[in-house]
């Protein structure tokens, strides 16, 4: 598990300098989360962006509700170095979320995460742990790609009779069940986005590489298998993402 986590961080770290240039969907979701967060009644307690990366959620929230200062927590030192909100040791924390949460986040008022949860080894278990760390009245606000994403990739791999090397994504139902066992689910929505990447699949894979999001725990395809995959790629330039947005609150009176 540690080796996998380190490999994922390495992929993101190599592309950290250019991440924001290619993170259009991630930025759009960050603004959606920030708008939700800015409208919430917030109890006392720490606030953190888990898997903050380059700080897209925090930067959006800074414009909408500057009183909310989020600890920027990530496993990639390189991404934190390119995060304008992580300028001091009190504003950033280098941390592997597969190891749980740091003690400083117990009793949190807000834990948010965008495009980070699915990279963990046990996303549903991690979500439940985050829920338990909230203070009474505290909020969990998450956006995460879920199963059903990349249908074009899966279809092309099936038609080409080659392995689909996409990173396995958690089921939305499993995440909702996990969070709902601890929290009151105030809002949840599974959304589909279909950005255009260009014909043939190459542009989509190039985008993943430019983000640092191309890591897979599958053996890499051989050159002939790649050609087969791309030959069976749908003519449509779109690739679909399914994103779960979740807002949930810890029951109990706010302090």
C-alpha atoms as a PDB file:
ATOM      1  CA  UNK A   1       0.000   0.000   0.000  1.00  0.00           C
ATOM      2  CA  UNK A   2       2.802   2.428   0.884  1.00  0.00           C
ATOM      3  CA  UNK A   3       4.607   1.664  -2.349  1.00  0.00           C
ATOM      4  CA  UNK A   4       1.448   2.358  -4.364  1.00  0.00           C
ATOM      5  CA  UNK A   5       0.813   5.618  -2.495  1.00  0.00           C
ATOM      6  CA  UNK A   6       4.395   6.697  -3.102  1.00  0.00           C
ATOM      7  CA  UNK A   7       4.095   5.881  -6.814  1.00  0.00           C
ATOM      8  CA  UNK A   8       0.892   7.917  -7.121  1.00  0.00           C
ATOM      9  CA  UNK A   9       2.560  10.890  -5.407  1.00  0.00           C
ATOM     10  CA  UNK A  10       5.556  10.554  -7.696  1.00  0.00           C
ATOM     11  CA  UNK A  11       3.344  10.789 -10.775  1.00  0.00           C
ATOM     12  CA  UNK A  12       1.628  13.935  -9.490  1.00  0.00           C
ATOM     13  CA  UNK A  13       4.876  15.469  -8.271  1.00  0.00           C
ATOM     14  CA  UNK A  14       6.486  15.163 -11.696  1.00  0.00           C
ATOM     15  CA  UNK A  15       3.696  17.239 -13.223  1.00  0.00           C
ATOM     16  CA  UNK A  16       3.059  19.592 -10.291  1.00  0.00           C
ATOM     17  CA  UNK A  17       4.399  22.673 -12.055  1.00  0.00           C
ATOM     18  CA  UNK A  18       1.846  22.349 -14.869  1.00  0.00           C
ATOM     19  CA  UNK A  19      -1.089  20.787 -13.001  1.00  0.00           C
ATOM     20  CA  UNK A  20      -3.275  23.897 -12.934  1.00  0.00           C
ATOM     21  CA  UNK A  21      -2.928  24.430 -16.692  1.00  0.00           C
ATOM     22  CA  UNK A  22      -4.682  21.128 -17.399  1.00  0.00           C
ATOM     23  CA  UNK A  23      -7.128  20.895 -14.476  1.00  0.00           C
ATOM     24  CA  UNK A  24     -10.230  22.419 -16.055  1.00  0.00           C
ATOM     25  CA  UNK A  25     -12.729  19.917 -14.668  1.00  0.00           C
ATOM     26  CA  UNK A  26     -11.002  19.880 -11.286  1.00  0.00           C
ATOM     27  CA  UNK A  27     -11.183  23.679 -11.107  1.00  0.00           C
ATOM     28  CA  UNK A  28     -14.863  23.701 -12.004  1.00  0.00           C
ATOM     29  CA  UNK A  29     -15.640  21.199  -9.250  1.00  0.00           C
ATOM     30  CA  UNK A  30     -13.529  23.179  -6.781  1.00  0.00           C
ATOM     31  CA  UNK A  31     -15.737  26.209  -7.370  1.00  0.00           C
ATOM     32  CA  UNK A  32     -18.875  24.107  -6.904  1.00  0.00           C
ATOM     33  CA  UNK A  33     -17.565  22.888  -3.559  1.00  0.00           C
ATOM     34  CA  UNK A  34     -16.477  26.366  -2.488  1.00  0.00           C
ATOM     35  CA  UNK A  35     -19.909  27.831  -3.182  1.00  0.00           C
ATOM     36  CA  UNK A  36     -21.515  25.118  -1.071  1.00  0.00           C
ATOM     37  CA  UNK A  37     -19.031  25.567   1.763  1.00  0.00           C
ATOM     38  CA  UNK A  38     -19.396  29.358   1.816  1.00  0.00           C
ATOM     39  CA  UNK A  39     -23.134  29.007   2.536  1.00  0.00           C
ATOM     40  CA  UNK A  40     -22.807  26.541   5.441  1.00  0.00           C
ATOM     41  CA  UNK A  41     -23.249  27.390   9.134  1.00  0.00           C
ATOM     42  CA  UNK A  42     -19.853  26.449  10.507  1.00  0.00           C
ATOM     43  CA  UNK A  43     -19.046  25.340  14.067  1.00  0.00           C
ATOM     44  CA  UNK A  44     -15.738  26.019  15.769  1.00  0.00           C
ATOM     45  CA  UNK A  45     -12.849  23.732  14.900  1.00  0.00           C
ATOM     46  CA  UNK A  46     -10.094  23.102  12.382  1.00  0.00           C
ATOM     47  CA  UNK A  47     -10.760  23.165   8.655  1.00  0.00           C
ATOM     48  CA  UNK A  48      -8.755  21.238   6.073  1.00  0.00           C
ATOM     49  CA  UNK A  49      -8.610  20.375   2.399  1.00  0.00           C
ATOM     50  CA  UNK A  50      -7.598  16.714   2.220  1.00  0.00           C
ATOM     51  CA  UNK A  51      -5.515  16.052  -0.865  1.00  0.00           C
ATOM     52  CA  UNK A  52      -5.380  19.788  -1.481  1.00  0.00           C
ATOM     53  CA  UNK A  53      -2.809  19.545  -4.246  1.00  0.00           C
ATOM     54  CA  UNK A  54      -2.295  22.943  -5.850  1.00  0.00           C
ATOM     55  CA  UNK A  55      -5.060  24.472  -3.704  1.00  0.00           C
ATOM     56  CA  UNK A  56      -7.949  24.864  -6.138  1.00  0.00           C
ATOM     57  CA  UNK A  57     -10.700  24.492  -3.507  1.00  0.00           C
ATOM     58  CA  UNK A  58      -8.998  26.796  -1.020  1.00  0.00           C
ATOM     59  CA  UNK A  59      -8.350  29.478  -3.632  1.00  0.00           C
ATOM     60  CA  UNK A  60     -11.980  29.476  -4.720  1.00  0.00           C
ATOM     61  CA  UNK A  61     -13.155  29.580  -1.102  1.00  0.00           C
ATOM     62  CA  UNK A  62     -10.770  32.435  -0.342  1.00  0.00           C
ATOM     63  CA  UNK A  63     -12.649  34.583  -2.846  1.00  0.00           C
ATOM     64  CA  UNK A  64     -16.100  33.591  -1.566  1.00  0.00           C
ATOM     65  CA  UNK A  65     -15.540  33.279   2.200  1.00  0.00           C
ATOM     66  CA  UNK A  66     -12.068  34.514   3.155  1.00  0.00           C
ATOM     67  CA  UNK A  67     -12.762  33.876   6.845  1.00  0.00           C
ATOM     68  CA  UNK A  68     -12.445  30.141   6.166  1.00  0.00           C
ATOM     69  CA  UNK A  69      -8.770  29.189   6.209  1.00  0.00           C
ATOM     70  CA  UNK A  70      -8.168  25.607   5.108  1.00  0.00           C
ATOM     71  CA  UNK A  71      -5.136  23.598   6.121  1.00  0.00           C
ATOM     72  CA  UNK A  72      -3.568  22.407   2.862  1.00  0.00           C
ATOM     73  CA  UNK A  73      -2.862  18.696   3.344  1.00  0.00           C
ATOM     74  CA  UNK A  74      -1.346  16.529   0.623  1.00  0.00           C
ATOM     75  CA  UNK A  75       1.032  13.631   0.128  1.00  0.00           C
ATOM     76  CA  UNK A  76       2.986  15.416  -2.618  1.00  0.00           C
ATOM     77  CA  UNK A  77       5.555  17.948  -1.459  1.00  0.00           C
ATOM     78  CA  UNK A  78       5.885  19.219  -5.028  1.00  0.00           C
ATOM     79  CA  UNK A  79       2.181  20.030  -5.314  1.00  0.00           C
ATOM     80  CA  UNK A  80       2.257  21.844  -1.968  1.00  0.00           C
ATOM     81  CA  UNK A  81       5.222  23.878  -3.216  1.00  0.00           C
ATOM     82  CA  UNK A  82       3.035  25.066  -6.088  1.00  0.00           C
ATOM     83  CA  UNK A  83       0.077  25.759  -3.784  1.00  0.00           C
ATOM     84  CA  UNK A  84      -0.159  29.518  -3.082  1.00  0.00           C
ATOM     85  CA  UNK A  85      -2.109  28.854   0.131  1.00  0.00           C
ATOM     86  CA  UNK A  86       0.609  26.624   1.612  1.00  0.00           C
ATOM     87  CA  UNK A  87       3.093  29.374   2.277  1.00  0.00           C
ATOM     88  CA  UNK A  88       3.838  28.604   5.917  1.00  0.00           C
ATOM     89  CA  UNK A  89       4.208  25.522   8.085  1.00  0.00           C
ATOM     90  CA  UNK A  90       0.927  26.358   9.822  1.00  0.00           C
ATOM     91  CA  UNK A  91      -0.946  26.358   6.497  1.00  0.00           C
ATOM     92  CA  UNK A  92       0.370  23.112   5.004  1.00  0.00           C
ATOM     93  CA  UNK A  93       0.908  19.529   6.057  1.00  0.00           C
ATOM     94  CA  UNK A  94       2.690  16.822   4.085  1.00  0.00           C
ATOM     95  CA  UNK A  95       0.676  13.720   4.932  1.00  0.00           C
ATOM     96  CA  UNK A  96      -0.276  10.345   3.478  1.00  0.00           C
ATOM     97  CA  UNK A  97      -4.034   9.990   3.936  1.00  0.00           C
ATOM     98  CA  UNK A  98      -3.716   6.213   3.716  1.00  0.00           C
ATOM     99  CA  UNK A  99      -2.279   6.488   7.231  1.00  0.00           C
ATOM    100  CA  UNK A 100      -5.466   8.098   8.550  1.00  0.00           C
ATOM    101  CA  UNK A 101      -5.911  11.684   9.704  1.00  0.00           C
ATOM    102  CA  UNK A 102      -3.431  13.677  11.792  1.00  0.00           C
ATOM    103  CA  UNK A 103      -4.393  14.292  15.409  1.00  0.00           C
ATOM    104  CA  UNK A 104      -4.724  18.034  14.769  1.00  0.00           C
ATOM    105  CA  UNK A 105      -7.876  17.419  12.701  1.00  0.00           C
ATOM    106  CA  UNK A 106      -9.887  15.692  15.409  1.00  0.00           C
ATOM    107  CA  UNK A 107     -12.964  17.800  16.140  1.00  0.00           C
ATOM    108  CA  UNK A 108     -12.896  19.468  12.717  1.00  0.00           C
ATOM    109  CA  UNK A 109     -15.490  21.980  11.618  1.00  0.00           C
ATOM    110  CA  UNK A 110     -14.891  21.186   7.951  1.00  0.00           C
ATOM    111  CA  UNK A 111     -13.138  18.462   6.005  1.00  0.00           C
ATOM    112  CA  UNK A 112     -13.281  18.850   2.257  1.00  0.00           C
ATOM    113  CA  UNK A 113     -11.673  16.917  -0.565  1.00  0.00           C
ATOM    114  CA  UNK A 114     -11.845  17.206  -4.335  1.00  0.00           C
ATOM    115  CA  UNK A 115     -10.461  14.566  -6.704  1.00  0.00           C
ATOM    116  CA  UNK A 116      -8.400  12.984  -3.945  1.00  0.00           C
ATOM    117  CA  UNK A 117     -10.426  10.324  -2.153  1.00  0.00           C
ATOM    118  CA  UNK A 118     -10.433   7.811  -5.027  1.00  0.00           C
ATOM    119  CA  UNK A 119      -6.621   7.570  -4.968  1.00  0.00           C
ATOM    120  CA  UNK A 120      -6.644   6.092  -1.476  1.00  0.00           C
ATOM    121  CA  UNK A 121      -6.375   2.343  -0.957  1.00  0.00           C
ATOM    122  CA  UNK A 122      -9.744   2.116   0.843  1.00  0.00           C
ATOM    123  CA  UNK A 123     -11.866   5.140  -0.088  1.00  0.00           C
ATOM    124  CA  UNK A 124     -15.045   4.136   1.773  1.00  0.00           C
ATOM    125  CA  UNK A 125     -13.155   3.357   4.981  1.00  0.00           C
ATOM    126  CA  UNK A 126     -11.255   6.639   4.718  1.00  0.00           C
ATOM    127  CA  UNK A 127     -14.501   8.568   4.230  1.00  0.00           C
ATOM    128  CA  UNK A 128     -15.957   6.999   7.361  1.00  0.00           C
ATOM    129  CA  UNK A 129     -12.854   7.919   9.326  1.00  0.00           C
ATOM    130  CA  UNK A 130     -13.091  11.503   8.113  1.00  0.00           C
ATOM    131  CA  UNK A 131     -16.728  11.588   9.182  1.00  0.00           C
ATOM    132  CA  UNK A 132     -15.844  10.439  12.690  1.00  0.00           C
ATOM    133  CA  UNK A 133     -13.245  13.200  13.008  1.00  0.00           C
ATOM    134  CA  UNK A 134     -15.832  15.978  12.661  1.00  0.00           C
ATOM    135  CA  UNK A 135     -17.059  18.071  15.558  1.00  0.00           C
ATOM    136  CA  UNK A 136     -20.807  18.101  16.272  1.00  0.00           C
ATOM    137  CA  UNK A 137     -22.324  20.212  13.523  1.00  0.00           C
ATOM    138  CA  UNK A 138     -19.176  19.804  11.412  1.00  0.00           C
ATOM    139  CA  UNK A 139     -19.272  19.282   7.659  1.00  0.00           C
ATOM    140  CA  UNK A 140     -17.831  16.816   5.158  1.00  0.00           C
ATOM    141  CA  UNK A 141     -17.857  18.226   1.618  1.00  0.00           C
ATOM    142  CA  UNK A 142     -16.434  15.963  -1.085  1.00  0.00           C
ATOM    143  CA  UNK A 143     -16.208  15.647  -4.853  1.00  0.00           C
ATOM    144  CA  UNK A 144     -14.864  12.348  -6.160  1.00  0.00           C
ATOM    145  CA  UNK A 145     -14.842  10.477  -9.490  1.00  0.00           C
ATOM    146  CA  UNK A 146     -16.785   7.234  -9.137  1.00  0.00           C
ATOM    147  CA  UNK A 147     -17.448   3.984 -10.958  1.00  0.00           C
ATOM    148  CA  UNK A 148     -19.108   4.536 -14.309  1.00  0.00           C
ATOM    149  CA  UNK A 149     -16.475   7.059 -15.383  1.00  0.00           C
ATOM    150  CA  UNK A 150     -14.494   6.584 -18.604  1.00  0.00           C
ATOM    151  CA  UNK A 151     -17.109   4.427 -20.309  1.00  0.00           C
ATOM    152  CA  UNK A 152     -15.390   5.035 -23.667  1.00  0.00           C
ATOM    153  CA  UNK A 153     -12.102   3.688 -22.322  1.00  0.00           C
ATOM    154  CA  UNK A 154     -13.711   0.573 -20.883  1.00  0.00           C
ATOM    155  CA  UNK A 155     -15.687  -0.045 -24.089  1.00  0.00           C
ATOM    156  CA  UNK A 156     -12.609   0.358 -26.295  1.00  0.00           C
ATOM    157  CA  UNK A 157     -10.598  -2.043 -24.131  1.00  0.00           C
ATOM    158  CA  UNK A 158     -13.389  -4.616 -24.269  1.00  0.00           C
ATOM    159  CA  UNK A 159     -13.708  -4.368 -28.054  1.00  0.00           C
ATOM    160  CA  UNK A 160      -9.932  -4.517 -28.513  1.00  0.00           C
ATOM    161  CA  UNK A 161      -9.703  -7.459 -26.097  1.00  0.00           C
ATOM    162  CA  UNK A 162      -6.958  -5.773 -24.075  1.00  0.00           C
ATOM    163  CA  UNK A 163      -6.891  -5.005 -20.343  1.00  0.00           C
ATOM    164  CA  UNK A 164      -8.438  -1.729 -19.227  1.00  0.00           C
ATOM    165  CA  UNK A 165      -5.730  -0.071 -17.132  1.00  0.00           C
ATOM    166  CA  UNK A 166      -7.962   2.637 -15.676  1.00  0.00           C
ATOM    167  CA  UNK A 167      -7.536   3.237 -11.953  1.00  0.00           C
ATOM    168  CA  UNK A 168     -10.414   1.444 -10.132  1.00  0.00           C
ATOM    169  CA  UNK A 169     -12.943   3.972  -8.880  1.00  0.00           C
ATOM    170  CA  UNK A 170     -15.214   3.522  -5.852  1.00  0.00           C
ATOM    171  CA  UNK A 171     -18.945   2.987  -6.240  1.00  0.00           C
ATOM    172  CA  UNK A 172     -21.032   6.022  -5.303  1.00  0.00           C
ATOM    173  CA  UNK A 173     -23.446   3.827  -3.346  1.00  0.00           C
ATOM    174  CA  UNK A 174     -20.626   2.451  -1.210  1.00  0.00           C
ATOM    175  CA  UNK A 175     -19.353   5.933  -0.362  1.00  0.00           C
ATOM    176  CA  UNK A 176     -22.834   7.176   0.505  1.00  0.00           C
ATOM    177  CA  UNK A 177     -23.435   4.186   2.747  1.00  0.00           C
ATOM    178  CA  UNK A 178     -20.128   4.738   4.518  1.00  0.00           C
ATOM    179  CA  UNK A 179     -20.691   8.443   5.133  1.00  0.00           C
ATOM    180  CA  UNK A 180     -24.342   7.906   6.013  1.00  0.00           C
ATOM    181  CA  UNK A 181     -23.441   5.455   8.777  1.00  0.00           C
ATOM    182  CA  UNK A 182     -21.960   8.390  10.739  1.00  0.00           C
ATOM    183  CA  UNK A 183     -23.338  11.588   9.240  1.00  0.00           C
ATOM    184  CA  UNK A 184     -26.612  13.093   8.118  1.00  0.00           C
ATOM    185  CA  UNK A 185     -26.497  13.314   4.320  1.00  0.00           C
ATOM    186  CA  UNK A 186     -27.613  16.858   3.513  1.00  0.00           C
ATOM    187  CA  UNK A 187     -27.007  16.722  -0.233  1.00  0.00           C
ATOM    188  CA  UNK A 188     -25.614  14.234  -2.682  1.00  0.00           C
ATOM    189  CA  UNK A 189     -25.616  14.237  -6.450  1.00  0.00           C
ATOM    190  CA  UNK A 190     -23.937  12.070  -9.050  1.00  0.00           C
ATOM    191  CA  UNK A 191     -23.100  14.222 -12.056  1.00  0.00           C
ATOM    192  CA  UNK A 192     -21.783  13.358 -15.492  1.00  0.00           C
ATOM    193  CA  UNK A 193     -19.354  15.551 -17.375  1.00  0.00           C
ATOM    194  CA  UNK A 194     -18.110  14.809 -20.886  1.00  0.00           C
ATOM    195  CA  UNK A 195     -15.185  17.056 -21.809  1.00  0.00           C
ATOM    196  CA  UNK A 196     -13.908  16.987 -25.379  1.00  0.00           C
ATOM    197  CA  UNK A 197     -10.320  15.832 -25.663  1.00  0.00           C
ATOM    198  CA  UNK A 198      -9.899  15.261 -29.393  1.00  0.00           C
ATOM    199  CA  UNK A 199     -10.357  12.235 -31.641  1.00  0.00           C
ATOM    200  CA  UNK A 200      -8.852   8.836 -31.139  1.00  0.00           C
ATOM    201  CA  UNK A 201      -8.184   8.698 -27.435  1.00  0.00           C
ATOM    202  CA  UNK A 202      -4.606   9.997 -27.577  1.00  0.00           C
ATOM    203  CA  UNK A 203      -5.513  13.476 -26.340  1.00  0.00           C
ATOM    204  CA  UNK A 204      -7.378  12.014 -23.359  1.00  0.00           C
ATOM    205  CA  UNK A 205      -4.396   9.926 -22.261  1.00  0.00           C
ATOM    206  CA  UNK A 206      -2.091  12.899 -22.820  1.00  0.00           C
ATOM    207  CA  UNK A 207      -4.323  14.970 -20.527  1.00  0.00           C
ATOM    208  CA  UNK A 208      -4.093  12.367 -17.771  1.00  0.00           C
ATOM    209  CA  UNK A 209      -0.326  12.331 -18.118  1.00  0.00           C
ATOM    210  CA  UNK A 210      -0.116  16.125 -17.983  1.00  0.00           C
ATOM    211  CA  UNK A 211      -2.125  16.109 -14.755  1.00  0.00           C
ATOM    212  CA  UNK A 212       0.008  13.359 -13.240  1.00  0.00           C
ATOM    213  CA  UNK A 213      -3.158  11.240 -13.023  1.00  0.00           C
ATOM    214  CA  UNK A 214      -1.998   8.432 -15.290  1.00  0.00           C
ATOM    215  CA  UNK A 215      -0.833   6.016 -12.571  1.00  0.00           C
ATOM    216  CA  UNK A 216      -2.214   2.483 -12.793  1.00  0.00           C
ATOM    217  CA  UNK A 217      -1.624  -0.595 -10.686  1.00  0.00           C
ATOM    218  CA  UNK A 218      -2.052  -2.734 -13.823  1.00  0.00           C
ATOM    219  CA  UNK A 219       0.950  -3.811 -15.898  1.00  0.00           C
ATOM    220  CA  UNK A 220       1.414  -1.325 -18.775  1.00  0.00           C
ATOM    221  CA  UNK A 221       0.011  -2.223 -22.152  1.00  0.00           C
ATOM    222  CA  UNK A 222       2.451  -3.392 -24.773  1.00  0.00           C
ATOM    223  CA  UNK A 223       2.800  -1.217 -27.921  1.00  0.00           C
ATOM    224  CA  UNK A 224       0.624  -3.589 -29.930  1.00  0.00           C
ATOM    225  CA  UNK A 225      -2.063  -3.497 -27.260  1.00  0.00           C
ATOM    226  CA  UNK A 226      -2.023   0.307 -27.263  1.00  0.00           C
ATOM    227  CA  UNK A 227      -2.536   0.312 -31.028  1.00  0.00           C
ATOM    228  CA  UNK A 228      -5.445  -2.095 -30.653  1.00  0.00           C
ATOM    229  CA  UNK A 229      -7.007   0.058 -27.929  1.00  0.00           C
ATOM    230  CA  UNK A 230      -6.734   3.259 -29.955  1.00  0.00           C
ATOM    231  CA  UNK A 231      -8.021   1.522 -33.102  1.00  0.00           C
ATOM    232  CA  UNK A 232     -11.195   0.606 -31.203  1.00  0.00           C
ATOM    233  CA  UNK A 233     -11.647   3.998 -29.532  1.00  0.00           C
ATOM    234  CA  UNK A 234     -15.060   5.591 -30.234  1.00  0.00           C
ATOM    235  CA  UNK A 235     -15.187   8.312 -32.874  1.00  0.00           C
ATOM    236  CA  UNK A 236     -16.683  10.731 -30.321  1.00  0.00           C
ATOM    237  CA  UNK A 237     -14.098  13.143 -28.898  1.00  0.00           C
ATOM    238  CA  UNK A 238     -15.775  13.125 -25.478  1.00  0.00           C
ATOM    239  CA  UNK A 239     -14.809  11.002 -22.477  1.00  0.00           C
ATOM    240  CA  UNK A 240     -17.325  10.828 -19.644  1.00  0.00           C
ATOM    241  CA  UNK A 241     -16.591  11.384 -15.958  1.00  0.00           C
ATOM    242  CA  UNK A 242     -19.070  10.545 -13.204  1.00  0.00           C
ATOM    243  CA  UNK A 243     -18.511  12.766 -10.166  1.00  0.00           C
ATOM    244  CA  UNK A 244     -20.180  12.314  -6.795  1.00  0.00           C
ATOM    245  CA  UNK A 245     -20.724  15.514  -4.822  1.00  0.00           C
ATOM    246  CA  UNK A 246     -21.489  14.877  -1.164  1.00  0.00           C
ATOM    247  CA  UNK A 247     -22.370  17.251   1.674  1.00  0.00           C
ATOM    248  CA  UNK A 248     -22.890  15.613   5.044  1.00  0.00           C
ATOM    249  CA  UNK A 249     -23.038  16.881   8.618  1.00  0.00           C
ATOM    250  CA  UNK A 250     -22.120  15.390  11.975  1.00  0.00           C
ATOM    251  CA  UNK A 251     -25.263  15.244  14.143  1.00  0.00           C
ATOM    252  CA  UNK A 252     -25.295  17.077  17.449  1.00  0.00           C
ATOM    253  CA  UNK A 253     -25.376  20.633  18.671  1.00  0.00           C
ATOM    254  CA  UNK A 254     -22.666  22.972  17.516  1.00  0.00           C
ATOM    255  CA  UNK A 255     -20.368  24.296  20.199  1.00  0.00           C
END
